[in-house]
């Protein structure tokens, strides 16, 4: 007969064992979500590469006028880097079951993510005040298109961050670690994409493209 004084240790976690981190079904679900995230990032990468290829081909036209990057983009880049670093440490803290530290780091990462979007919008306003519009210059058109696409992905990441931060105030610590890990992975992806976009928009020139492609 089971000693009822120790029966509590046999009690399943709230919501059963089907949550990520509990039992075979939970592990299968977490693996499926992880694979789905990888697939999504792969599709998003292909999409950005297609638009970058169009950007490279279009810049060789006679009506192409290089666009000077506003200094606000350096500030937004630093915010995205800081957000990614904070999420990394949040993931480390979550794996160590340091809930309070995880909460603090998650909040700080989210603030930096929101700041990134705000500063990007600020950069847009600066360009528009200089009459740099999407319809007036092909380079500006690509700038607004690519930064808007990336901004939408960041906004989606902030939705996921919000769900993850909400988990930080729940008792299921294993699920928290799993969600923070996924959020960290996606944020690193967003940072890598932005670094490539920023470099292409700011320093890629028709002459450099011809030199690299050997068509000069």
Protein backbone atom coordinates (compact mmCIF):
# COMPACT_ATOMS: atom_id res chain seq x y z
CA UNK A 1 0.00 0.00 0.00
CA UNK A 2 1.22 3.49 -0.87
CA UNK A 3 1.93 5.77 2.04
CA UNK A 4 -0.52 8.64 1.55
CA UNK A 5 1.86 11.06 3.23
CA UNK A 6 4.09 10.73 0.18
CA UNK A 7 1.34 10.59 -2.41
CA UNK A 8 1.88 14.24 -3.31
CA UNK A 9 5.08 13.40 -5.13
CA UNK A 10 3.05 11.28 -7.53
CA UNK A 11 0.71 14.11 -8.38
CA UNK A 12 1.12 15.24 -12.00
CA UNK A 13 1.90 18.87 -12.76
CA UNK A 14 -0.95 21.28 -13.43
CA UNK A 15 -2.31 20.56 -16.89
CA UNK A 16 -1.00 16.99 -16.92
CA UNK A 17 2.11 15.52 -18.44
CA UNK A 18 1.35 16.69 -21.97
CA UNK A 19 3.15 19.99 -21.47
CA UNK A 20 6.62 20.50 -22.95
CA UNK A 21 9.14 18.78 -20.73
CA UNK A 22 6.75 16.20 -19.25
CA UNK A 23 6.64 12.70 -20.68
CA UNK A 24 6.92 11.39 -24.23
CA UNK A 25 3.98 13.38 -25.59
CA UNK A 26 5.37 16.60 -24.16
CA UNK A 27 8.78 15.97 -25.67
CA UNK A 28 7.24 15.22 -29.05
CA UNK A 29 5.29 18.45 -28.95
CA UNK A 30 8.32 20.53 -28.01
CA UNK A 31 10.33 18.87 -30.79
CA UNK A 32 7.55 19.63 -33.29
CA UNK A 33 7.43 23.29 -32.28
CA UNK A 34 11.21 23.54 -32.48
CA UNK A 35 11.22 22.05 -35.99
CA UNK A 36 8.40 24.38 -37.03
CA UNK A 37 10.43 27.37 -35.86
CA UNK A 38 13.45 26.20 -37.87
CA UNK A 39 11.24 25.80 -40.95
CA UNK A 40 9.75 29.25 -40.49
CA UNK A 41 13.19 30.82 -40.17
CA UNK A 42 14.29 28.95 -43.30
CA UNK A 43 11.34 30.29 -45.29
CA UNK A 44 11.89 33.81 -43.96
CA UNK A 45 15.59 33.61 -44.87
CA UNK A 46 14.71 32.58 -48.42
CA UNK A 47 12.28 35.50 -48.67
CA UNK A 48 14.85 38.03 -47.51
CA UNK A 49 17.46 36.58 -49.87
CA UNK A 50 15.08 36.93 -52.82
CA UNK A 51 14.48 40.58 -52.03
CA UNK A 52 18.20 41.17 -51.52
CA UNK A 53 18.87 39.60 -54.92
CA UNK A 54 16.32 41.95 -56.47
CA UNK A 55 18.00 44.83 -54.63
CA UNK A 56 21.41 43.90 -56.04
CA UNK A 57 20.10 43.57 -59.60
CA UNK A 58 18.14 46.82 -59.43
CA UNK A 59 21.04 48.94 -58.18
CA UNK A 60 22.85 48.59 -61.51
CA UNK A 61 20.25 50.77 -63.25
CA UNK A 62 21.02 54.34 -64.29
CA UNK A 63 18.38 55.87 -62.04
CA UNK A 64 19.88 54.35 -58.90
CA UNK A 65 20.91 56.91 -56.26
CA UNK A 66 22.65 55.61 -53.09
CA UNK A 67 20.84 56.33 -49.85
CA UNK A 68 22.69 57.71 -46.83
CA UNK A 69 21.73 55.74 -43.73
CA UNK A 70 20.42 57.89 -40.86
CA UNK A 71 22.41 57.61 -37.65
CA UNK A 72 19.31 56.32 -35.88
CA UNK A 73 19.91 52.94 -37.51
CA UNK A 74 23.11 52.55 -35.52
CA UNK A 75 21.14 53.14 -32.34
CA UNK A 76 18.43 50.67 -33.33
CA UNK A 77 21.08 48.09 -34.21
CA UNK A 78 22.64 48.43 -30.77
CA UNK A 79 19.18 47.93 -29.22
CA UNK A 80 18.65 44.72 -31.19
CA UNK A 81 22.10 43.43 -30.24
CA UNK A 82 21.44 44.19 -26.57
CA UNK A 83 18.03 42.54 -26.75
CA UNK A 84 19.54 39.39 -28.24
CA UNK A 85 22.26 39.27 -25.58
CA UNK A 86 19.72 39.73 -22.79
CA UNK A 87 17.58 36.91 -24.16
CA UNK A 88 20.63 34.66 -24.23
CA UNK A 89 21.27 35.28 -20.55
CA UNK A 90 17.55 34.88 -19.85
CA UNK A 91 17.70 31.43 -21.45
CA UNK A 92 20.72 30.54 -19.31
CA UNK A 93 18.90 31.71 -16.18
CA UNK A 94 15.74 29.81 -17.13
CA UNK A 95 17.69 26.57 -17.58
CA UNK A 96 19.18 27.12 -14.12
CA UNK A 97 15.62 27.64 -12.77
CA UNK A 98 16.50 31.19 -11.67
CA UNK A 99 13.00 32.55 -12.16
CA UNK A 100 13.49 36.07 -10.78
CA UNK A 101 16.60 36.65 -12.87
CA UNK A 102 14.80 35.25 -15.92
CA UNK A 103 11.91 37.66 -15.41
CA UNK A 104 14.21 40.66 -15.13
CA UNK A 105 16.20 39.73 -18.21
CA UNK A 106 13.05 38.99 -20.22
CA UNK A 107 11.55 42.37 -19.40
CA UNK A 108 14.79 44.17 -20.29
CA UNK A 109 15.03 42.25 -23.59
CA UNK A 110 11.46 43.15 -24.48
CA UNK A 111 12.03 46.83 -23.73
CA UNK A 112 15.05 46.81 -26.04
CA UNK A 113 13.00 45.08 -28.72
CA UNK A 114 10.26 47.70 -28.54
CA UNK A 115 12.91 50.42 -28.54
CA UNK A 116 14.38 48.95 -31.72
CA UNK A 117 11.06 49.36 -33.54
CA UNK A 118 10.57 52.88 -32.19
CA UNK A 119 14.04 53.98 -33.30
CA UNK A 120 13.51 52.40 -36.73
CA UNK A 121 10.35 54.46 -37.08
CA UNK A 122 12.31 57.51 -35.98
CA UNK A 123 14.81 56.83 -38.77
CA UNK A 124 11.95 56.63 -41.25
CA UNK A 125 10.64 60.00 -40.06
CA UNK A 126 14.07 61.57 -40.48
CA UNK A 127 14.30 60.35 -44.08
CA UNK A 128 10.76 61.49 -44.86
CA UNK A 129 11.50 64.93 -43.42
CA UNK A 130 14.32 65.09 -45.98
CA UNK A 131 11.78 64.19 -48.70
CA UNK A 132 13.26 60.73 -49.18
CA UNK A 133 10.14 58.83 -50.19
CA UNK A 134 9.57 55.33 -51.48
CA UNK A 135 8.28 56.64 -54.80
CA UNK A 136 11.12 59.07 -55.43
CA UNK A 137 14.15 56.79 -55.40
CA UNK A 138 14.51 53.04 -56.08
CA UNK A 139 17.10 52.77 -53.29
CA UNK A 140 14.65 54.36 -50.86
CA UNK A 141 11.91 51.99 -52.04
CA UNK A 142 14.04 48.99 -51.17
CA UNK A 143 15.07 50.57 -47.89
CA UNK A 144 11.48 51.03 -46.74
CA UNK A 145 10.47 47.61 -48.04
CA UNK A 146 13.29 45.65 -46.40
CA UNK A 147 13.17 47.48 -43.09
CA UNK A 148 9.38 47.14 -42.98
CA UNK A 149 9.60 43.40 -43.65
CA UNK A 150 12.16 43.00 -40.90
CA UNK A 151 10.12 45.19 -38.56
CA UNK A 152 7.08 42.94 -39.06
CA UNK A 153 9.17 39.92 -38.11
CA UNK A 154 10.39 41.76 -35.01
CA UNK A 155 6.79 42.63 -34.12
CA UNK A 156 5.90 38.95 -34.41
CA UNK A 157 8.86 38.14 -32.20
CA UNK A 158 7.57 40.58 -29.59
CA UNK A 159 4.24 38.75 -29.57
CA UNK A 160 6.13 35.52 -28.84
CA UNK A 161 8.17 37.38 -26.23
CA UNK A 162 4.95 38.51 -24.54
CA UNK A 163 3.69 34.93 -24.33
CA UNK A 164 7.06 33.84 -22.96
CA UNK A 165 7.14 36.62 -20.38
CA UNK A 166 3.64 35.64 -19.26
CA UNK A 167 4.93 32.10 -18.65
CA UNK A 168 7.59 33.53 -16.32
CA UNK A 169 4.87 34.32 -13.78
CA UNK A 170 3.52 30.78 -13.80
CA UNK A 171 4.76 27.88 -11.67
CA UNK A 172 5.82 25.66 -14.60
CA UNK A 173 9.55 26.37 -14.72
CA UNK A 174 10.40 23.70 -17.28
CA UNK A 175 7.96 25.17 -19.78
CA UNK A 176 9.49 28.59 -19.15
CA UNK A 177 12.98 27.35 -20.04
CA UNK A 178 11.64 25.78 -23.24
CA UNK A 179 9.86 28.94 -24.35
CA UNK A 180 12.76 31.24 -23.55
CA UNK A 181 15.07 28.98 -25.54
CA UNK A 182 12.81 29.24 -28.60
CA UNK A 183 12.49 33.01 -28.16
CA UNK A 184 16.28 33.32 -27.90
CA UNK A 185 16.76 31.34 -31.11
CA UNK A 186 14.34 33.48 -33.07
CA UNK A 187 15.85 36.70 -31.72
CA UNK A 188 19.33 35.64 -32.80
CA UNK A 189 17.86 35.00 -36.24
CA UNK A 190 16.34 38.49 -36.34
CA UNK A 191 19.68 40.00 -35.37
CA UNK A 192 21.56 38.07 -38.07
CA UNK A 193 19.05 39.12 -40.73
CA UNK A 194 19.24 42.75 -39.66
CA UNK A 195 23.04 42.83 -39.74
CA UNK A 196 22.98 41.55 -43.33
CA UNK A 197 20.27 44.01 -44.33
CA UNK A 198 22.00 46.95 -42.67
CA UNK A 199 25.30 46.12 -44.35
CA UNK A 200 23.64 45.72 -47.76
CA UNK A 201 21.59 48.91 -47.49
CA UNK A 202 24.45 51.00 -46.18
CA UNK A 203 27.57 49.81 -47.97
CA UNK A 204 26.69 47.66 -50.96
CA UNK A 205 27.36 49.58 -54.19
CA UNK A 206 27.03 48.70 -57.90
CA UNK A 207 30.82 48.87 -58.25
CA UNK A 208 31.30 46.42 -55.39
CA UNK A 209 28.71 44.06 -56.86
CA UNK A 210 30.46 44.10 -60.25
CA UNK A 211 33.82 43.50 -58.58
CA UNK A 212 32.53 40.56 -56.56
CA UNK A 213 30.65 39.04 -59.49
CA UNK A 214 33.59 39.55 -61.85
CA UNK A 215 31.56 41.54 -64.38
CA UNK A 216 33.68 44.65 -64.21
